């Protein structure tokens, strides 16, 4: 429990928390808040929250979450597995790892049911997790079973050596059939659940993280939809969703970055009816390639669209 005393009144909570004996900096405090590890009255807060006298914040640790991890009997689609790593094809709707208020029924919980061997060298609340894909995104994800594998894979991601291809169905036609979208991304200024590209004034130093997406149009539907191949050079949270939306081509089925009026611009009534039946975000992590952390051999994996979306693609003529 972290209680606001008179000397902390009126401060931003991230600054106030930096005085906590177990929080070593303001950036550490911001990280905990962004991960949902700081709550007020059982609700998540924003780093910019201004404190009031007597407010009581609960500060969780990753260890506290990890102690609550319960194996989840969930049938995983395991694409590849050896003593060092697992590659899974994650369904849409499955959260990758636990967080405050969501300790169970995640991919991590399912992995703990599948195997007792997951790397724990990094965050104990996220054993084995090297990278993430959004809850609403389906597709390929690699998980480390050994600490050495986790470190080796993490280095490849950091050096941008991992091959990642996503497929997306978007609204509108792209002005250029292929191109690169580059921006600096950070959390949305008013909605902490969303992200946005930073507007940078001339000569200013960006505060966001560099995000680079390469895209290529595969097929265009006459009613105003596009099937797009996106290759990640960086892997920021919601990167493809933000980039395509800000480019004017939001992904079909995206509840965060696509407004409801976009469907009205689709020129075909039958196509609109198909889109209305889309069960979730039409974004799929289709290809994943990396060097094996022990043998060094290049591994490339591919996963087809999930069944619930492949039938939609067939109706749209995108199959």
Protein backbone atom coordinates (compact mmCIF):
# COMPACT_ATOMS: atom_id res chain seq x y z
CA UNK A 1 0.00 0.00 0.00
CA UNK A 2 1.29 3.47 -0.93
CA UNK A 3 -0.52 6.32 0.86
CA UNK A 4 -0.36 9.95 -0.27
CA UNK A 5 0.94 12.18 2.50
CA UNK A 6 0.94 16.01 2.59
CA UNK A 7 4.36 16.32 0.93
CA UNK A 8 3.13 14.29 -2.07
CA UNK A 9 -0.22 16.03 -2.64
CA UNK A 10 -0.70 17.41 -6.15
CA UNK A 11 2.16 15.49 -7.73
CA UNK A 12 1.77 13.23 -10.72
CA UNK A 13 1.48 9.69 -9.39
CA UNK A 14 4.51 8.49 -11.38
CA UNK A 15 6.63 11.17 -9.66
CA UNK A 16 5.11 10.45 -6.25
CA UNK A 17 5.74 6.71 -6.65
CA UNK A 18 9.42 7.34 -7.35
CA UNK A 19 9.75 8.04 -3.60
CA UNK A 20 8.61 4.48 -2.83
CA UNK A 21 11.53 2.53 -1.32
CA UNK A 22 11.12 -0.32 -3.82
CA UNK A 23 10.74 1.90 -6.92
CA UNK A 24 14.08 3.21 -8.10
CA UNK A 25 13.03 5.85 -10.64
CA UNK A 26 10.12 7.70 -12.22
CA UNK A 27 10.47 5.63 -15.40
CA UNK A 28 10.21 2.48 -13.25
CA UNK A 29 7.01 3.88 -11.73
CA UNK A 30 5.61 4.67 -15.20
CA UNK A 31 6.42 1.15 -16.37
CA UNK A 32 4.53 -0.36 -13.42
CA UNK A 33 1.53 1.89 -14.10
CA UNK A 34 1.50 1.10 -17.81
CA UNK A 35 1.58 -2.63 -17.02
CA UNK A 36 -1.44 -2.26 -14.73
CA UNK A 37 0.58 -3.00 -11.58
CA UNK A 38 -0.62 0.13 -9.74
CA UNK A 39 -4.29 0.53 -8.86
CA UNK A 40 -6.48 3.01 -6.99
CA UNK A 41 -9.78 1.69 -5.63
CA UNK A 42 -9.21 -1.47 -7.73
CA UNK A 43 -8.94 0.56 -10.92
CA UNK A 44 -5.97 1.19 -13.20
CA UNK A 45 -4.65 4.74 -13.32
CA UNK A 46 -2.67 6.99 -15.65
CA UNK A 47 0.86 8.27 -14.91
CA UNK A 48 -0.48 11.84 -15.12
CA UNK A 49 -3.01 11.24 -12.29
CA UNK A 50 -2.68 14.06 -9.75
CA UNK A 51 -2.59 12.84 -6.17
CA UNK A 52 -4.88 13.83 -3.30
CA UNK A 53 -4.25 13.57 0.43
CA UNK A 54 -4.98 10.12 1.82
CA UNK A 55 -5.29 8.27 -1.49
CA UNK A 56 -4.16 4.67 -1.12
CA UNK A 57 -2.54 2.96 -4.09
CA UNK A 58 -1.87 -0.75 -4.32
CA UNK A 59 1.49 -1.49 -5.94
CA UNK A 60 1.87 -5.04 -7.21
CA UNK A 61 5.11 -6.79 -8.05
CA UNK A 62 5.68 -9.16 -10.94
CA UNK A 63 6.55 -11.83 -8.36
CA UNK A 64 3.10 -11.41 -6.78
CA UNK A 65 1.46 -12.08 -10.14
CA UNK A 66 3.72 -15.04 -10.89
CA UNK A 67 2.76 -16.67 -7.57
CA UNK A 68 -0.86 -16.67 -8.79
CA UNK A 69 -0.14 -18.36 -12.12
CA UNK A 70 -2.43 -21.35 -12.58
CA UNK A 71 -2.02 -23.84 -15.46
CA UNK A 72 -4.84 -23.55 -18.00
CA UNK A 73 -6.13 -26.67 -19.78
CA UNK A 74 -6.34 -25.15 -23.24
CA UNK A 75 -5.54 -26.96 -26.49
CA UNK A 76 -2.57 -25.14 -27.99
CA UNK A 77 -1.83 -25.16 -31.71
CA UNK A 78 1.87 -26.07 -31.41
CA UNK A 79 3.62 -25.49 -34.74
CA UNK A 80 7.08 -26.53 -33.53
CA UNK A 81 8.69 -27.61 -30.27
CA UNK A 82 12.07 -28.83 -29.07
CA UNK A 83 14.02 -28.66 -25.78
CA UNK A 84 14.74 -24.96 -26.25
CA UNK A 85 11.61 -23.30 -27.62
CA UNK A 86 7.98 -23.60 -28.67
CA UNK A 87 6.29 -21.90 -31.63
CA UNK A 88 2.52 -21.59 -31.25
CA UNK A 89 -0.26 -20.35 -33.49
CA UNK A 90 -2.25 -18.17 -31.07
CA UNK A 91 -5.99 -17.76 -31.61
CA UNK A 92 -7.61 -14.35 -31.49
CA UNK A 93 -9.05 -13.52 -28.07
CA UNK A 94 -6.27 -15.15 -26.05
CA UNK A 95 -4.19 -12.74 -23.95
CA UNK A 96 -0.46 -13.56 -24.10
CA UNK A 97 0.49 -13.10 -20.44
CA UNK A 98 -1.10 -12.32 -17.06
CA UNK A 99 -1.54 -8.82 -15.69
CA UNK A 100 -3.30 -7.33 -12.71
CA UNK A 101 -6.95 -8.41 -12.83
CA UNK A 102 -6.24 -11.06 -15.46
CA UNK A 103 -4.17 -13.80 -13.84
CA UNK A 104 -5.75 -16.78 -15.56
CA UNK A 105 -6.71 -18.16 -18.97
CA UNK A 106 -3.77 -16.58 -20.82
CA UNK A 107 -1.28 -18.11 -23.24
CA UNK A 108 1.25 -18.29 -20.40
CA UNK A 109 -1.23 -20.26 -18.27
CA UNK A 110 -1.87 -22.60 -21.20
CA UNK A 111 1.88 -23.05 -21.72
CA UNK A 112 2.31 -23.93 -18.03
CA UNK A 113 -0.26 -26.70 -18.50
CA UNK A 114 1.56 -27.88 -21.63
CA UNK A 115 5.07 -27.91 -20.13
CA UNK A 116 6.85 -27.21 -16.86
CA UNK A 117 9.90 -25.95 -18.73
CA UNK A 118 9.59 -22.25 -19.45
CA UNK A 119 12.38 -19.69 -19.22
CA UNK A 120 12.08 -17.55 -16.09
CA UNK A 121 15.26 -15.49 -16.36
CA UNK A 122 13.39 -12.29 -17.16
CA UNK A 123 9.94 -11.32 -15.85
CA UNK A 124 8.58 -14.05 -13.52
CA UNK A 125 5.04 -13.02 -14.45
CA UNK A 126 5.78 -13.74 -18.11
CA UNK A 127 7.80 -16.98 -18.15
CA UNK A 128 9.15 -17.81 -21.60
CA UNK A 129 7.71 -14.74 -23.29
CA UNK A 130 10.10 -13.23 -25.84
CA UNK A 131 7.60 -11.07 -27.75
CA UNK A 132 3.87 -10.47 -27.82
CA UNK A 133 0.99 -10.11 -30.23
CA UNK A 134 -2.25 -8.36 -29.36
CA UNK A 135 -5.12 -10.23 -27.74
CA UNK A 136 -7.30 -9.72 -30.84
CA UNK A 137 -4.53 -10.72 -33.29
CA UNK A 138 -4.07 -14.35 -34.28
CA UNK A 139 -0.87 -16.01 -35.41
CA UNK A 140 2.66 -17.11 -34.69
CA UNK A 141 4.60 -16.50 -31.52
CA UNK A 142 7.85 -18.04 -30.23
CA UNK A 143 8.29 -18.91 -26.54
CA UNK A 144 11.56 -19.82 -24.84
CA UNK A 145 11.84 -22.95 -22.69
CA UNK A 146 15.41 -22.29 -21.54
CA UNK A 147 16.88 -19.07 -20.12
CA UNK A 148 19.73 -19.21 -22.64
CA UNK A 149 17.20 -19.48 -25.49
CA UNK A 150 15.26 -16.51 -24.14
CA UNK A 151 18.38 -14.34 -24.08
CA UNK A 152 19.46 -15.44 -27.58
CA UNK A 153 16.02 -14.83 -29.08
CA UNK A 154 15.67 -11.48 -27.30
CA UNK A 155 18.96 -10.36 -28.87
CA UNK A 156 17.64 -11.22 -32.33
CA UNK A 157 14.50 -9.16 -31.74
CA UNK A 158 16.56 -6.25 -30.41
CA UNK A 159 18.85 -6.34 -33.46
CA UNK A 160 15.80 -6.51 -35.80
CA UNK A 161 16.96 -9.86 -37.17
CA UNK A 162 13.59 -11.60 -36.79
CA UNK A 163 11.40 -12.05 -39.89
CA UNK A 164 7.77 -11.13 -39.18
CA UNK A 165 5.00 -10.95 -41.77
CA UNK A 166 1.39 -10.06 -40.93
CA UNK A 167 -1.67 -10.21 -43.19
CA UNK A 168 -4.41 -7.63 -42.83
CA UNK A 169 -7.68 -6.74 -44.53
CA UNK A 170 -8.15 -2.97 -44.51
CA UNK A 171 -10.64 -0.37 -45.60
CA UNK A 172 -9.76 1.67 -48.67
CA UNK A 173 -7.17 1.47 -51.41
CA UNK A 174 -3.57 2.45 -50.70
CA UNK A 175 -2.23 5.41 -52.66
CA UNK A 176 0.91 3.40 -53.33
CA UNK A 177 0.73 -0.36 -53.74
CA UNK A 178 3.79 -0.72 -51.49
CA UNK A 179 5.72 1.52 -49.16
CA UNK A 180 7.12 2.12 -45.69
CA UNK A 181 5.44 3.87 -42.78
CA UNK A 182 7.80 5.38 -40.19
CA UNK A 183 6.86 7.22 -37.02
CA UNK A 184 7.63 7.57 -33.33
CA UNK A 185 4.94 5.86 -31.25
CA UNK A 186 3.86 6.39 -27.68
CA UNK A 187 0.73 5.95 -25.63
CA UNK A 188 -2.26 7.98 -26.76
CA UNK A 189 -2.38 11.29 -24.84
CA UNK A 190 -5.98 10.86 -23.70
CA UNK A 191 -6.69 7.11 -23.93
CA UNK A 192 -4.11 4.95 -22.15
CA UNK A 193 -5.41 1.78 -23.82
CA UNK A 194 -4.42 3.12 -27.23
CA UNK A 195 -1.21 4.19 -28.95
CA UNK A 196 -0.51 6.93 -31.47
CA UNK A 197 2.27 8.36 -33.59
CA UNK A 198 3.88 11.41 -32.07
CA UNK A 199 3.54 14.78 -33.79
CA UNK A 200 7.08 16.17 -33.80
CA UNK A 201 7.85 19.85 -34.28
CA UNK A 202 10.86 20.77 -36.38
CA UNK A 203 14.08 20.28 -34.41
CA UNK A 204 12.33 18.59 -31.48
CA UNK A 205 13.63 15.34 -30.02
CA UNK A 206 10.95 12.61 -30.22
CA UNK A 207 9.82 11.04 -26.95
CA UNK A 208 8.18 8.04 -28.59
CA UNK A 209 9.79 4.84 -29.88
CA UNK A 210 10.78 4.42 -33.52
CA UNK A 211 8.24 2.28 -35.41
CA UNK A 212 8.76 1.05 -38.98
CA UNK A 213 6.25 -0.96 -41.03
CA UNK A 214 6.75 -2.07 -44.64
CA UNK A 215 3.52 -2.81 -46.52
CA UNK A 216 2.58 -4.34 -49.85
CA UNK A 217 -0.90 -4.58 -51.35
CA UNK A 218 -1.71 -8.16 -52.37
CA UNK A 219 -5.23 -7.70 -53.71
CA UNK A 220 -7.84 -4.95 -54.00
CA UNK A 221 -11.59 -5.56 -53.70
CA UNK A 222 -13.70 -3.41 -56.07
CA UNK A 223 -15.97 -2.29 -53.21
CA UNK A 224 -13.09 -0.60 -51.38
CA UNK A 225 -11.12 -3.15 -49.35
CA UNK A 226 -7.47 -4.22 -49.54
CA UNK A 227 -5.58 -7.37 -48.60
CA UNK A 228 -2.18 -6.23 -47.35
CA UNK A 229 1.11 -7.87 -46.41
CA UNK A 230 2.90 -6.02 -43.56
CA UNK A 231 6.50 -6.67 -42.57
CA UNK A 232 7.64 -5.41 -39.20
CA UNK A 233 11.06 -3.84 -38.85
CA UNK A 234 10.22 -2.84 -35.29
CA UNK A 235 7.59 -4.36 -33.02
CA UNK A 236 5.76 -1.70 -31.01
CA UNK A 237 2.43 -2.40 -29.33
CA UNK A 238 -0.42 -1.94 -31.83
CA UNK A 239 2.15 -0.83 -34.43
CA UNK A 240 0.45 -2.14 -37.59
CA UNK A 241 -2.99 -1.12 -36.35
CA UNK A 242 -1.86 2.44 -35.63
CA UNK A 243 0.19 2.82 -38.81
CA UNK A 244 -2.52 1.58 -41.15
CA UNK A 245 -5.22 3.59 -39.40
CA UNK A 246 -3.19 6.80 -39.49
CA UNK A 247 -2.40 6.04 -43.14
CA UNK A 248 -6.15 6.12 -43.83
CA UNK A 249 -6.56 2.35 -44.11
CA UNK A 250 -7.80 0.98 -40.76
CA UNK A 251 -8.05 -2.77 -40.33
CA UNK A 252 -11.49 -4.34 -40.66
CA UNK A 253 -12.82 -5.41 -37.27
CA UNK A 254 -10.55 -3.11 -35.24
CA UNK A 255 -12.56 -1.74 -32.28
CA UNK A 256 -9.81 0.71 -31.25
CA UNK A 257 -8.55 2.35 -34.41
CA UNK A 258 -11.43 2.05 -36.87
CA UNK A 259 -14.56 4.17 -36.60
CA UNK A 260 -17.94 2.60 -37.29
CA UNK A 261 -18.70 4.92 -40.21
CA UNK A 262 -15.96 3.36 -42.38
CA UNK A 263 -18.20 0.46 -43.31
CA UNK A 264 -20.61 2.94 -44.91
CA UNK A 265 -17.96 3.78 -47.52
CA UNK A 266 -17.97 0.19 -48.81
CA UNK A 267 -19.83 0.45 -52.12
CA UNK A 268 -21.36 -3.04 -52.20
CA UNK A 269 -24.32 -3.99 -49.98
CA UNK A 270 -23.37 -7.67 -50.07
CA UNK A 271 -19.80 -6.85 -49.05
CA UNK A 272 -21.04 -4.72 -46.16
CA UNK A 273 -23.08 -7.69 -44.91
CA UNK A 274 -19.96 -9.89 -45.04
CA UNK A 275 -17.95 -7.31 -43.09
CA UNK A 276 -20.70 -7.02 -40.47
CA UNK A 277 -20.20 -10.74 -39.78
CA UNK A 278 -16.44 -10.37 -39.10
CA UNK A 279 -15.94 -11.82 -35.59
CA UNK A 280 -12.75 -9.93 -34.70
CA UNK A 281 -9.74 -7.98 -35.95
CA UNK A 282 -8.63 -9.12 -39.41
CA UNK A 283 -4.91 -9.13 -38.60
CA UNK A 284 -2.88 -12.34 -38.58
CA UNK A 285 0.79 -13.02 -37.78
CA UNK A 286 1.38 -15.29 -40.76
CA UNK A 287 5.15 -15.74 -40.92
CA UNK A 288 7.86 -15.89 -38.27
CA UNK A 289 11.54 -16.54 -38.93
CA UNK A 290 14.61 -16.54 -36.69
CA UNK A 291 17.88 -18.37 -36.11
CA UNK A 292 17.61 -21.27 -33.68
CA UNK A 293 19.19 -20.09 -30.39
CA UNK A 294 21.36 -23.22 -30.08
CA UNK A 295 22.05 -24.56 -33.57
CA UNK A 296 21.97 -21.24 -35.41
CA UNK A 297 19.83 -22.82 -38.15
CA UNK A 298 17.35 -20.48 -39.84
CA UNK A 299 13.78 -21.48 -38.98
CA UNK A 300 10.80 -20.05 -40.88
CA UNK A 301 7.23 -20.85 -39.89
CA UNK A 302 3.95 -20.05 -41.65
CA UNK A 303 0.38 -20.22 -40.40
CA UNK A 304 -2.81 -19.89 -42.48
CA UNK A 305 -5.65 -17.55 -41.58
CA UNK A 306 -7.82 -18.97 -38.78
CA UNK A 307 -10.93 -20.76 -40.00
CA UNK A 308 -13.35 -18.07 -38.80
CA UNK A 309 -11.56 -15.52 -41.00
CA UNK A 310 -10.68 -17.73 -43.96
CA UNK A 311 -14.38 -18.18 -44.74
CA UNK A 312 -14.77 -14.37 -44.68
CA UNK A 313 -11.83 -14.07 -47.09
CA UNK A 314 -13.43 -16.59 -49.43
CA UNK A 315 -16.64 -14.59 -49.52
CA UNK A 316 -14.62 -11.46 -50.30
CA UNK A 317 -12.64 -13.23 -53.01
CA UNK A 318 -9.38 -12.79 -51.10
CA UNK A 319 -8.66 -16.50 -50.59
